[in-house]
Amino acid sequence: MAGRKSKTHPLSAVLTAAALGAATLTASAAQATETGLLQCQGTETIAYSPGVTLTPRDITFTIDGRFTSCLDTANQVTSGSYDEEFTVTVGCNGLLDSFEGERVLTWNTGDTSTAEINGQSTAVLGQVITTITGTITQGRFQGRSVLQTVTLPQLGFLQCATTGLTGTTGLTTLTLT
């Protein structure tokens, strides 16, 4: 039967088109739920090793972020986290410098989101307030804008002149739009 062409019955073509259309509508509806607002609150803990002093030196930052309360318009994401470790040369006077990098957020659903971020810190009334902006580039919520604020107490600056500042914990909020 070489050379024989198969013919598609017109009804079969209509049913196939209808099935594909239904699949497209279902996928579009699922994506539409991902376009809503996500807001999270939690804590961020930073450990510095060795302690940060006035003299710049290599310091390992270990960051543990936990979002314990998330409000997702799709009612799926209820919590999340991020963990980072990196080494930079810094002293107490450089802790407010701007930064850029990548942050991977892990959600209670098992999904992850990779964000390209930029941050800027300022000292205000005894607190260090860091504003982080960026975009989710991979994973869940891809394409969404990121706004995260971290508020840490500005404690231990006397330690900068002695043993060094070894860590701090504060509040954080995250909004994806």
Protein backbone atom coordinates (compact mmCIF):
# COMPACT_ATOMS: atom_id res chain seq x y z
CA MET A 1 0.00 0.00 0.00
CA ALA A 2 2.91 2.28 -0.60
CA GLY A 3 1.94 5.59 -2.08
CA ARG A 4 -1.57 5.50 -0.63
CA LYS A 5 -2.60 8.74 1.08
CA SER A 6 -4.85 8.67 4.06
CA LYS A 7 -7.85 10.93 4.10
CA THR A 8 -9.09 12.65 7.18
CA HIS A 9 -12.80 12.55 7.61
CA PRO A 10 -14.24 16.09 8.04
CA LEU A 11 -15.97 15.12 11.32
CA SER A 12 -12.70 13.70 12.64
CA ALA A 13 -10.94 16.99 11.84
CA VAL A 14 -13.64 18.97 13.67
CA LEU A 15 -13.44 16.71 16.75
CA THR A 16 -9.64 16.95 16.79
CA ALA A 17 -9.80 20.74 16.52
CA ALA A 18 -12.37 20.86 19.33
CA ALA A 19 -10.19 18.66 21.55
CA LEU A 20 -7.12 20.83 20.88
CA GLY A 21 -9.15 23.94 21.59
CA ALA A 22 -10.34 22.51 24.91
CA ALA A 23 -6.74 21.65 25.86
CA THR A 24 -5.67 25.20 24.98
CA LEU A 25 -8.49 26.68 27.06
CA THR A 26 -7.57 24.46 30.02
CA ALA A 27 -3.90 25.47 29.78
CA SER A 28 -4.85 29.13 29.44
CA ALA A 29 -7.12 28.93 32.48
CA ALA A 30 -4.32 27.38 34.53
CA GLN A 31 -1.90 30.10 33.46
CA ALA A 32 -4.46 32.77 34.24
CA THR A 33 -4.46 31.71 37.90
CA GLU A 34 -0.68 32.28 37.94
CA THR A 35 -1.07 35.94 36.99
CA GLY A 36 -2.62 36.99 40.30
CA LEU A 37 -0.85 38.57 43.22
CA LEU A 38 1.41 36.66 45.62
CA GLN A 39 2.33 38.24 48.95
CA CYS A 40 4.46 36.61 51.64
CA GLN A 41 5.73 37.53 55.09
CA GLY A 42 8.47 35.91 57.11
CA THR A 43 11.97 36.28 58.49
CA GLU A 44 15.51 36.46 57.18
CA THR A 45 18.53 35.43 59.22
CA ILE A 46 22.07 36.33 58.15
CA ALA A 47 25.20 34.81 59.68
CA TYR A 48 28.64 36.34 58.98
CA SER A 49 31.76 34.19 59.31
CA PRO A 50 34.15 35.36 60.53
CA GLY A 51 32.48 38.36 62.14
CA VAL A 52 32.41 41.58 60.12
CA THR A 53 34.83 44.21 61.45
CA LEU A 54 35.85 47.69 60.31
CA THR A 55 38.67 46.17 58.27
CA PRO A 56 37.46 44.62 54.99
CA ARG A 57 38.20 40.89 54.68
CA ASP A 58 36.65 37.78 53.13
CA ILE A 59 33.34 37.13 54.89
CA THR A 60 31.03 34.20 54.23
CA PHE A 61 27.35 35.22 54.30
CA THR A 62 24.86 32.47 55.11
CA ILE A 63 21.28 33.62 54.48
CA ASP A 64 18.20 31.72 55.62
CA GLY A 65 14.89 33.21 54.45
CA ARG A 66 11.54 31.75 55.50
CA PHE A 67 8.15 32.91 54.27
CA THR A 68 5.74 31.45 56.82
CA SER A 69 2.62 33.18 55.56
CA CYS A 70 1.81 33.62 51.87
CA LEU A 71 -1.39 34.81 50.24
CA ASP A 72 -1.73 33.50 46.69
CA THR A 73 -4.76 34.44 44.59
CA ALA A 74 -4.66 30.85 43.24
CA ASN A 75 -4.71 29.51 46.84
CA GLN A 76 -1.78 27.15 46.21
CA VAL A 77 1.36 28.77 47.61
CA THR A 78 1.15 29.15 51.39
CA SER A 79 4.84 29.30 52.33
CA GLY A 80 8.32 29.40 50.85
CA SER A 81 12.02 29.72 51.55
CA TYR A 82 15.44 30.60 50.17
CA ASP A 83 18.94 29.70 51.33
CA GLU A 84 22.12 31.29 50.07
CA GLU A 85 25.80 31.19 50.89
CA PHE A 86 28.47 33.35 49.30
CA THR A 87 31.78 34.99 50.19
CA VAL A 88 32.63 38.65 49.60
CA THR A 89 35.36 40.99 50.78
CA VAL A 90 33.60 43.48 53.04
CA GLY A 91 33.89 45.49 56.24
CA CYS A 92 31.19 47.06 58.39
CA ASN A 93 31.27 50.22 56.27
CA GLY A 94 30.43 48.20 53.13
CA LEU A 95 27.40 46.32 54.41
CA LEU A 96 25.06 48.88 52.84
CA ASP A 97 26.53 48.56 49.34
CA SER A 98 24.17 47.65 46.48
CA PHE A 99 24.23 44.12 45.09
CA GLU A 100 22.90 41.94 42.30
CA GLY A 101 22.55 38.21 41.88
CA GLU A 102 20.24 35.26 41.58
CA ARG A 103 17.84 33.96 44.23
CA VAL A 104 16.05 30.60 44.11
CA LEU A 105 12.74 30.52 45.96
CA THR A 106 11.31 27.13 46.96
CA TRP A 107 7.55 26.92 47.54
CA ASN A 108 5.47 24.58 49.72
CA THR A 109 4.13 23.06 46.47
CA GLY A 110 7.62 21.73 45.63
CA ASP A 111 7.99 24.24 42.78
CA THR A 112 10.88 26.69 42.54
CA SER A 113 11.27 30.18 41.11
CA THR A 114 14.61 31.63 40.02
CA ALA A 115 14.85 35.41 40.24
CA GLU A 116 17.45 37.82 38.91
CA ILE A 117 17.62 40.47 41.64
CA ASN A 118 19.15 43.84 42.52
CA GLY A 119 19.27 45.20 46.04
CA GLN A 120 19.99 48.43 47.84
CA SER A 121 20.26 48.92 51.61
CA THR A 122 19.84 52.04 53.74
CA ALA A 123 20.14 52.66 57.47
CA VAL A 124 17.00 54.24 58.91
CA LEU A 125 16.28 54.83 62.62
CA GLY A 126 18.44 51.98 63.91
CA GLN A 127 17.40 49.52 61.20
CA VAL A 128 18.89 48.40 57.91
CA ILE A 129 16.19 48.31 55.24
CA THR A 130 17.04 46.41 52.06
CA THR A 131 14.85 46.74 49.00
CA ILE A 132 15.22 43.97 46.42
CA THR A 133 13.71 44.17 42.94
CA GLY A 134 13.91 41.85 39.99
CA THR A 135 12.15 39.38 37.74
CA ILE A 136 11.36 35.67 37.97
CA THR A 137 13.34 34.21 35.06
CA GLN A 138 12.63 30.48 35.50
CA GLY A 139 10.10 28.18 37.12
CA ARG A 140 6.82 28.98 38.80
CA PHE A 141 5.72 32.60 38.37
CA GLN A 142 8.12 33.12 35.43
CA GLY A 143 7.90 36.66 34.07
CA ARG A 144 6.58 38.17 37.29
CA SER A 145 8.14 41.20 38.96
CA VAL A 146 9.77 40.75 42.38
CA LEU A 147 9.68 43.25 45.24
CA GLN A 148 11.16 42.11 48.54
CA THR A 149 11.88 44.23 51.61
CA VAL A 150 14.10 43.01 54.44
CA THR A 151 14.24 44.98 57.70
CA LEU A 152 17.10 44.03 60.02
CA PRO A 153 18.00 45.64 63.36
CA GLN A 154 21.18 47.69 63.17
CA LEU A 155 22.64 46.06 66.25
CA GLY A 156 26.19 45.40 67.23
CA PHE A 157 28.02 48.15 65.38
CA LEU A 158 30.24 48.48 68.46
CA GLN A 159 31.19 44.89 67.65
CA CYS A 160 32.65 46.16 64.36
CA ALA A 161 35.53 47.69 66.32
CA THR A 162 36.14 44.54 68.40
CA THR A 163 35.13 40.91 67.79
CA GLY A 164 32.99 41.57 64.73
CA LEU A 165 29.30 41.46 63.85
CA THR A 166 28.31 37.77 63.50
CA GLY A 167 24.67 37.90 62.46
CA THR A 168 21.18 39.31 62.64
CA THR A 169 17.52 38.37 62.10
CA GLY A 170 14.65 40.51 60.90
CA LEU A 171 11.36 40.65 59.04
CA THR A 172 10.88 40.27 55.30
CA THR A 173 8.00 40.71 52.88
CA LEU A 174 7.79 39.53 49.28
CA THR A 175 5.37 40.57 46.55
CA LEU A 176 5.18 39.03 43.08
CA THR A 177 3.06 40.87 40.52
